[in-house]
Structure formats: C-alpha cells, structure tokens
Amino acid sequence: MKLVVTCRKCFSTNRLKEVTSDRYRLSQTIGENFILKCNKCSFENTYSVNDVHAETGALPSVLILVSLIIIGSTLVFVKDYVGINSW
C-alpha cells in the first residue's frame, strides 16, 4: 500500500515516501503535522497525519483476475480431455 495525501488546491494525490503500518508510527516518523509540496501544482501546504490515507495498487487485483482465468481455462481443457459432459 502506498500512503497518499490529496492536494488542497488542485486535488491531485501526492505519495509520501515514508512506509509505516499505522498513523501513530507515521506521526513518530514525520511528526503530527508536516509540510508537503504538491507534485502537480507546486502548492506547499501543512497536512496532518489524519489527512493521510492508504491506497492499494492494482497489481493484486490483476493477479487474482489472471489466476481465475488460468484456472477456468484449465478446467475447460481438462473437462474436454477427460470427456466430462456434465458442465
């Protein structure tokens, strides 16, 4: 998961470099309030640790989808090879 903050001016998401498991550890690392400069509009603002949220990447969803496709196609080929017509 990546930690992101939404810019208050242009509403784009900005990723934090820190990797922590919860907000308490994040506040111990960077402080309760921190200054961040937006990557898109260069607006510099003060954010709280409570403004940070986590986003999951698309990779786990893609891996699950590919796995289901492989398993489904394997079952179709096995069914045709064995000669099971009950499906």
C-alpha atoms as a PDB file:
ATOM      1  CA  MET A   1       0.000   0.000   0.000  1.00  0.00           C
ATOM      2  CA  LYS A   2       1.099   3.498  -0.656  1.00  0.00           C
ATOM      3  CA  LEU A   3       0.437   6.456   1.614  1.00  0.00           C
ATOM      4  CA  VAL A   4      -1.054   9.463  -0.161  1.00  0.00           C
ATOM      5  CA  VAL A   5      -2.300  12.962   0.635  1.00  0.00           C
ATOM      6  CA  THR A   6      -4.743  14.924  -1.539  1.00  0.00           C
ATOM      7  CA  CYS A   7      -3.638  18.427  -2.522  1.00  0.00           C
ATOM      8  CA  ARG A   8      -6.000  21.077  -1.185  1.00  0.00           C
ATOM      9  CA  LYS A   9      -5.581  23.282  -4.244  1.00  0.00           C
ATOM     10  CA  CYS A  10      -5.655  21.002  -7.304  1.00  0.00           C
ATOM     11  CA  PHE A  11      -6.979  17.801  -5.632  1.00  0.00           C
ATOM     12  CA  SER A  12      -4.269  15.581  -7.083  1.00  0.00           C
ATOM     13  CA  THR A  13      -2.848  12.747  -4.983  1.00  0.00           C
ATOM     14  CA  ASN A  14       0.716  13.015  -3.716  1.00  0.00           C
ATOM     15  CA  ARG A  15       2.558   9.961  -2.499  1.00  0.00           C
ATOM     16  CA  LEU A  16       4.561  10.004   0.726  1.00  0.00           C
ATOM     17  CA  LYS A  17       7.998   8.421   0.782  1.00  0.00           C
ATOM     18  CA  GLU A  18       7.531   7.002   4.278  1.00  0.00           C
ATOM     19  CA  VAL A  19       6.276   3.435   4.718  1.00  0.00           C
ATOM     20  CA  THR A  20       4.546   2.660   8.010  1.00  0.00           C
ATOM     21  CA  SER A  21       1.811   0.367   9.220  1.00  0.00           C
ATOM     22  CA  ASP A  22      -0.313   2.925  11.097  1.00  0.00           C
ATOM     23  CA  ARG A  23      -0.758   6.650  11.715  1.00  0.00           C
ATOM     24  CA  TYR A  24       0.868   6.544  15.137  1.00  0.00           C
ATOM     25  CA  ARG A  25       4.154   5.315  13.678  1.00  0.00           C
ATOM     26  CA  LEU A  26       3.822   7.822  10.865  1.00  0.00           C
ATOM     27  CA  SER A  27       3.445  10.640  13.398  1.00  0.00           C
ATOM     28  CA  GLN A  28       6.538   9.350  15.197  1.00  0.00           C
ATOM     29  CA  THR A  29       8.471   9.433  11.915  1.00  0.00           C
ATOM     30  CA  ILE A  30       7.407  12.741  10.343  1.00  0.00           C
ATOM     31  CA  GLY A  31       5.520  14.468  13.161  1.00  0.00           C
ATOM     32  CA  GLU A  32       1.845  15.192  13.773  1.00  0.00           C
ATOM     33  CA  ASN A  33       1.842  17.985  11.158  1.00  0.00           C
ATOM     34  CA  PHE A  34       4.107  18.128   8.128  1.00  0.00           C
ATOM     35  CA  ILE A  35       4.646  20.356   5.104  1.00  0.00           C
ATOM     36  CA  LEU A  36       4.291  18.831   1.656  1.00  0.00           C
ATOM     37  CA  LYS A  37       4.704  20.381  -1.779  1.00  0.00           C
ATOM     38  CA  CYS A  38       2.302  19.186  -4.477  1.00  0.00           C
ATOM     39  CA  ASN A  39       3.957  17.438  -7.407  1.00  0.00           C
ATOM     40  CA  LYS A  40       1.442  18.848  -9.895  1.00  0.00           C
ATOM     41  CA  CYS A  41       0.779  22.487  -8.923  1.00  0.00           C
ATOM     42  CA  SER A  42       3.769  23.090  -6.562  1.00  0.00           C
ATOM     43  CA  PHE A  43       1.408  24.354  -3.831  1.00  0.00           C
ATOM     44  CA  GLU A  44       3.033  23.942  -0.417  1.00  0.00           C
ATOM     45  CA  ASN A  45       0.683  23.253   2.490  1.00  0.00           C
ATOM     46  CA  THR A  46       0.672  21.856   6.010  1.00  0.00           C
ATOM     47  CA  TYR A  47      -1.051  18.484   6.422  1.00  0.00           C
ATOM     48  CA  SER A  48      -1.973  16.439   9.455  1.00  0.00           C
ATOM     49  CA  VAL A  49      -1.304  12.733   9.848  1.00  0.00           C
ATOM     50  CA  ASN A  50      -5.098  12.322   9.772  1.00  0.00           C
ATOM     51  CA  ASP A  51      -5.118  13.660   6.182  1.00  0.00           C
ATOM     52  CA  VAL A  52      -3.046  10.683   5.035  1.00  0.00           C
ATOM     53  CA  HIS A  53      -4.815   7.650   3.603  1.00  0.00           C
ATOM     54  CA  ALA A  54      -3.610   4.408   2.065  1.00  0.00           C
ATOM     55  CA  GLU A  55      -4.280   3.264  -1.476  1.00  0.00           C
ATOM     56  CA  THR A  56      -3.815  -0.248  -2.719  1.00  0.00           C
ATOM     57  CA  GLY A  57      -2.203  -0.859  -6.036  1.00  0.00           C
ATOM     58  CA  ALA A  58      -3.920  -2.545  -8.969  1.00  0.00           C
ATOM     59  CA  LEU A  59      -1.411  -5.408  -9.021  1.00  0.00           C
ATOM     60  CA  PRO A  60      -3.232  -7.696  -6.506  1.00  0.00           C
ATOM     61  CA  SER A  61      -6.499  -7.321  -8.432  1.00  0.00           C
ATOM     62  CA  VAL A  62      -4.795  -8.098 -11.724  1.00  0.00           C
ATOM     63  CA  LEU A  63      -3.053 -11.159 -10.272  1.00  0.00           C
ATOM     64  CA  ILE A  64      -6.351 -12.515  -8.924  1.00  0.00           C
ATOM     65  CA  LEU A  65      -8.054 -11.961 -12.282  1.00  0.00           C
ATOM     66  CA  VAL A  66      -5.254 -13.671 -14.219  1.00  0.00           C
ATOM     67  CA  SER A  67      -5.265 -16.594 -11.762  1.00  0.00           C
ATOM     68  CA  LEU A  68      -9.012 -17.070 -12.174  1.00  0.00           C
ATOM     69  CA  ILE A  69      -8.688 -17.003 -15.962  1.00  0.00           C
ATOM     70  CA  ILE A  70      -5.901 -19.597 -15.870  1.00  0.00           C
ATOM     71  CA  ILE A  71      -7.837 -21.862 -13.505  1.00  0.00           C
ATOM     72  CA  GLY A  72     -11.024 -21.511 -15.559  1.00  0.00           C
ATOM     73  CA  SER A  73      -9.330 -22.270 -18.865  1.00  0.00           C
ATOM     74  CA  THR A  74      -7.504 -25.227 -17.306  1.00  0.00           C
ATOM     75  CA  LEU A  75     -10.813 -26.652 -16.091  1.00  0.00           C
ATOM     76  CA  VAL A  76     -12.316 -26.283 -19.572  1.00  0.00           C
ATOM     77  CA  PHE A  77      -9.377 -28.121 -21.170  1.00  0.00           C
ATOM     78  CA  VAL A  78      -9.387 -30.855 -18.529  1.00  0.00           C
ATOM     79  CA  LYS A  79     -13.133 -31.314 -18.979  1.00  0.00           C
ATOM     80  CA  ASP A  80     -12.702 -31.702 -22.751  1.00  0.00           C
ATOM     81  CA  TYR A  81      -9.740 -34.042 -22.337  1.00  0.00           C
ATOM     82  CA  VAL A  82     -11.429 -36.328 -19.815  1.00  0.00           C
ATOM     83  CA  GLY A  83     -14.752 -36.214 -21.654  1.00  0.00           C
ATOM     84  CA  ILE A  84     -16.919 -34.895 -18.859  1.00  0.00           C
ATOM     85  CA  ASN A  85     -20.112 -33.521 -20.364  1.00  0.00           C
ATOM     86  CA  SER A  86     -21.931 -32.595 -17.172  1.00  0.00           C
ATOM     87  CA  TRP A  87     -20.895 -28.933 -17.264  1.00  0.00           C
END
